[in-house]
Amino acid sequence: MMNKILVSACLMGFKVRYDGSEKAQMTDQLQRWQKEQRLVIHCPELAAGLPVPRPPAEIVSTDDQDVMQAQVRIHEMTGQDVTEHYQLAAWLALRTAQESGCTAALLTDGSPTCGSQFIYDGSFSGQRKSGMGVAASLLAEHGIAVFSEKRLADLIAWIDEKER
C-alpha cells in the first residue's frame, strides 16, 4: 500500500507563510513522491482564510495546555486573539488528511499550526520551546504520524518500514 503524506505548502515552494515567504525543501525524495502522487499539499492557515501576509502569531501559554480545548490562546503580535482561526486551520488539515488517505504529515516546525518539535513561546521574542502547533497536535491525536522538515530522513525510514 502506498502511503500518502500531507505536506506543508510552504515546504513545496508556495509563498504562504505569515510573511509571504516559503521554506522550499524540494529534495529528490519529495520530487519523487510528488511524481508518485503521494503528496497532498496543504496550508492549514490559508485553508482557514488567513491572509498572506499576516501578522506573526504564537501560542500564548505558560505550559503545554491544549489550544484545541481553548485552555490557551493564539495571539498575533498585534495582540489580536486568533485562536478560532487556528483551530479551524487544524480541523481543515485533519479533514484534508483523512479524506486524502494520508498516514503521515511533513510540516513546518515553529509554526503555531504546524510545529511538531518546537513552537515559539508566546513572547514574540524569538524564544522557542518544545511543543506542537494545533494542526500537528490534532493530526497526531488522530493517528497521523507527524514529522518536521528537519526529520525528513525519519519520514523516509518510516515510509520504507510501513511499505515493506
Protein backbone atom coordinates (compact mmCIF):
# COMPACT_ATOMS: atom_id res chain seq x y z
CA MET A 1 0.00 0.00 0.00
CA MET A 2 1.30 3.44 -0.95
CA ASN A 3 1.27 5.86 1.99
CA LYS A 4 0.12 9.41 1.29
CA ILE A 5 1.69 12.38 3.02
CA LEU A 6 0.12 15.71 3.93
CA VAL A 7 2.86 18.30 3.34
CA SER A 8 3.00 21.98 4.29
CA ALA A 9 2.56 24.06 1.14
CA CYS A 10 5.43 26.36 2.16
CA LEU A 11 7.81 23.37 2.07
CA MET A 12 6.83 22.86 -1.56
CA GLY A 13 7.74 26.41 -2.52
CA PHE A 14 4.37 28.13 -2.14
CA LYS A 15 4.71 31.62 -0.65
CA VAL A 16 2.05 31.17 2.01
CA ARG A 17 3.94 31.77 5.27
CA TYR A 18 2.89 34.63 7.52
CA ASP A 19 5.46 36.93 5.88
CA GLY A 20 4.69 35.82 2.31
CA SER A 21 7.76 33.59 2.09
CA GLU A 22 8.25 29.88 1.53
CA LYS A 23 10.56 27.26 3.05
CA ALA A 24 11.15 25.12 -0.03
CA GLN A 25 12.55 21.71 0.82
CA MET A 26 12.19 20.15 -2.63
CA THR A 27 14.56 17.26 -2.14
CA ASP A 28 14.88 14.46 -4.67
CA GLN A 29 12.73 12.32 -2.37
CA LEU A 30 9.90 14.88 -2.24
CA GLN A 31 10.04 15.30 -6.01
CA ARG A 32 9.83 11.51 -6.41
CA TRP A 33 6.87 11.31 -4.02
CA GLN A 34 5.18 14.17 -5.84
CA LYS A 35 5.54 12.31 -9.17
CA GLU A 36 4.08 9.21 -7.47
CA GLN A 37 1.11 11.36 -6.39
CA ARG A 38 1.75 10.61 -2.71
CA LEU A 39 1.84 14.23 -1.59
CA VAL A 40 -1.21 16.20 -0.53
CA ILE A 41 0.00 19.82 -0.49
CA HIS A 42 -1.90 21.91 2.04
CA CYS A 43 -1.59 25.14 4.01
CA PRO A 44 -3.92 24.94 7.01
CA GLU A 45 -3.76 28.68 7.66
CA LEU A 46 -4.64 29.56 4.07
CA ALA A 47 -7.44 26.98 4.07
CA ALA A 48 -8.87 28.69 7.18
CA GLY A 49 -8.98 32.01 5.34
CA LEU A 50 -5.98 33.72 6.92
CA PRO A 51 -4.35 36.23 4.56
CA VAL A 52 -0.81 36.34 3.19
CA PRO A 53 0.95 38.22 4.56
CA ARG A 54 -0.44 38.19 8.10
CA PRO A 55 0.93 39.26 11.47
CA PRO A 56 3.09 36.67 13.25
CA ALA A 57 1.10 34.55 15.69
CA GLU A 58 2.22 32.48 18.67
CA ILE A 59 0.60 30.18 21.19
CA VAL A 60 0.37 32.18 24.41
CA SER A 61 0.72 29.86 27.38
CA THR A 62 2.77 29.11 30.43
CA ASP A 63 2.70 25.36 29.91
CA ASP A 64 1.60 22.74 27.40
CA GLN A 65 -2.15 23.28 27.69
CA ASP A 66 -4.36 22.35 24.75
CA VAL A 67 -5.32 25.07 22.26
CA MET A 68 -7.97 22.85 20.72
CA GLN A 69 -9.75 22.69 24.10
CA ALA A 70 -9.45 26.50 24.41
CA GLN A 71 -7.26 26.17 27.51
CA VAL A 72 -4.74 28.55 25.93
CA ARG A 73 -4.96 31.10 23.14
CA ILE A 74 -3.14 32.08 19.97
CA HIS A 75 -2.45 35.79 19.57
CA GLU A 76 -0.98 37.80 16.75
CA MET A 77 1.90 40.13 17.51
CA THR A 78 -0.70 42.94 17.38
CA GLY A 79 -2.49 41.40 20.38
CA GLN A 80 -5.44 40.15 18.30
CA ASP A 81 -6.77 36.78 19.52
CA VAL A 82 -6.88 34.46 16.50
CA THR A 83 -7.40 31.18 18.35
CA GLU A 84 -10.57 30.25 16.46
CA HIS A 85 -8.89 30.77 13.06
CA TYR A 86 -6.07 28.44 14.03
CA GLN A 87 -8.47 25.86 15.49
CA LEU A 88 -10.32 25.90 12.16
CA ALA A 89 -6.97 25.52 10.36
CA ALA A 90 -6.25 22.42 12.44
CA TRP A 91 -9.63 20.83 11.72
CA LEU A 92 -9.27 21.55 7.99
CA ALA A 93 -5.81 19.95 7.96
CA LEU A 94 -7.22 16.86 9.67
CA ARG A 95 -10.15 16.66 7.27
CA THR A 96 -7.86 17.05 4.25
CA ALA A 97 -5.50 14.36 5.55
CA GLN A 98 -8.31 11.93 6.33
CA GLU A 99 -10.21 12.49 3.09
CA SER A 100 -6.98 12.02 1.10
CA GLY A 101 -5.93 8.90 2.99
CA CYS A 102 -2.75 10.41 4.47
CA THR A 103 -0.92 8.31 7.03
CA ALA A 104 1.82 10.87 7.67
CA ALA A 105 2.39 14.61 7.61
CA LEU A 106 5.51 16.65 6.85
CA LEU A 107 5.02 20.04 8.50
CA THR A 108 6.96 23.24 9.11
CA ASP A 109 8.43 23.41 12.59
CA GLY A 110 7.96 26.50 14.75
CA SER A 111 4.55 27.39 13.39
CA PRO A 112 1.64 27.72 15.84
CA THR A 113 -0.20 25.49 13.38
CA CYS A 114 2.36 23.05 12.02
CA GLY A 115 5.15 22.97 14.62
CA SER A 116 5.85 19.41 15.71
CA GLN A 117 9.15 19.64 17.58
CA PHE A 118 9.02 23.25 18.77
CA ILE A 119 6.85 26.35 18.81
CA TYR A 120 7.62 29.90 19.84
CA ASP A 121 6.92 30.71 23.48
CA GLY A 122 4.28 33.43 23.00
CA SER A 123 6.54 36.35 23.89
CA PHE A 124 7.33 37.30 20.27
CA SER A 125 11.00 37.46 21.27
CA GLY A 126 12.20 34.56 19.09
CA GLN A 127 12.36 32.21 22.09
CA ARG A 128 11.47 28.62 21.26
CA LYS A 129 10.13 25.84 23.43
CA SER A 130 9.28 22.19 22.92
CA GLY A 131 5.73 21.71 21.78
CA MET A 132 3.32 21.19 18.94
CA GLY A 133 1.17 23.52 16.92
CA VAL A 134 -2.57 22.98 16.77
CA ALA A 135 -2.71 21.09 13.46
CA ALA A 136 0.32 18.91 14.24
CA SER A 137 -1.21 18.01 17.60
CA LEU A 138 -4.64 17.25 16.17
CA LEU A 139 -3.19 15.12 13.35
CA ALA A 140 -1.08 13.13 15.83
CA GLU A 141 -4.10 12.63 18.12
CA HIS A 142 -5.91 11.07 15.16
CA GLY A 143 -3.14 8.60 14.31
CA ILE A 144 -1.32 10.51 11.59
CA ALA A 145 2.45 10.36 12.03
CA VAL A 146 3.82 13.91 12.12
CA PHE A 147 7.36 14.87 11.05
CA SER A 148 9.07 18.26 10.87
CA GLU A 149 11.01 19.28 7.78
CA LYS A 150 14.19 18.62 9.78
CA ARG A 151 13.11 15.00 10.22
CA LEU A 152 12.68 14.14 6.53
CA ALA A 153 15.12 11.21 6.89
CA ASP A 154 12.92 9.81 9.69
CA LEU A 155 9.84 10.14 7.48
CA ILE A 156 11.61 8.32 4.63
CA ALA A 157 12.58 5.49 7.01
CA TRP A 158 9.02 5.40 8.42
CA ILE A 159 7.51 5.12 4.93
CA ASP A 160 10.03 2.43 3.91
CA GLU A 161 9.19 0.42 7.04
CA LYS A 162 5.41 0.75 6.51
CA GLU A 163 5.67 -0.38 2.89
CA ARG A 164 7.88 -3.42 3.38
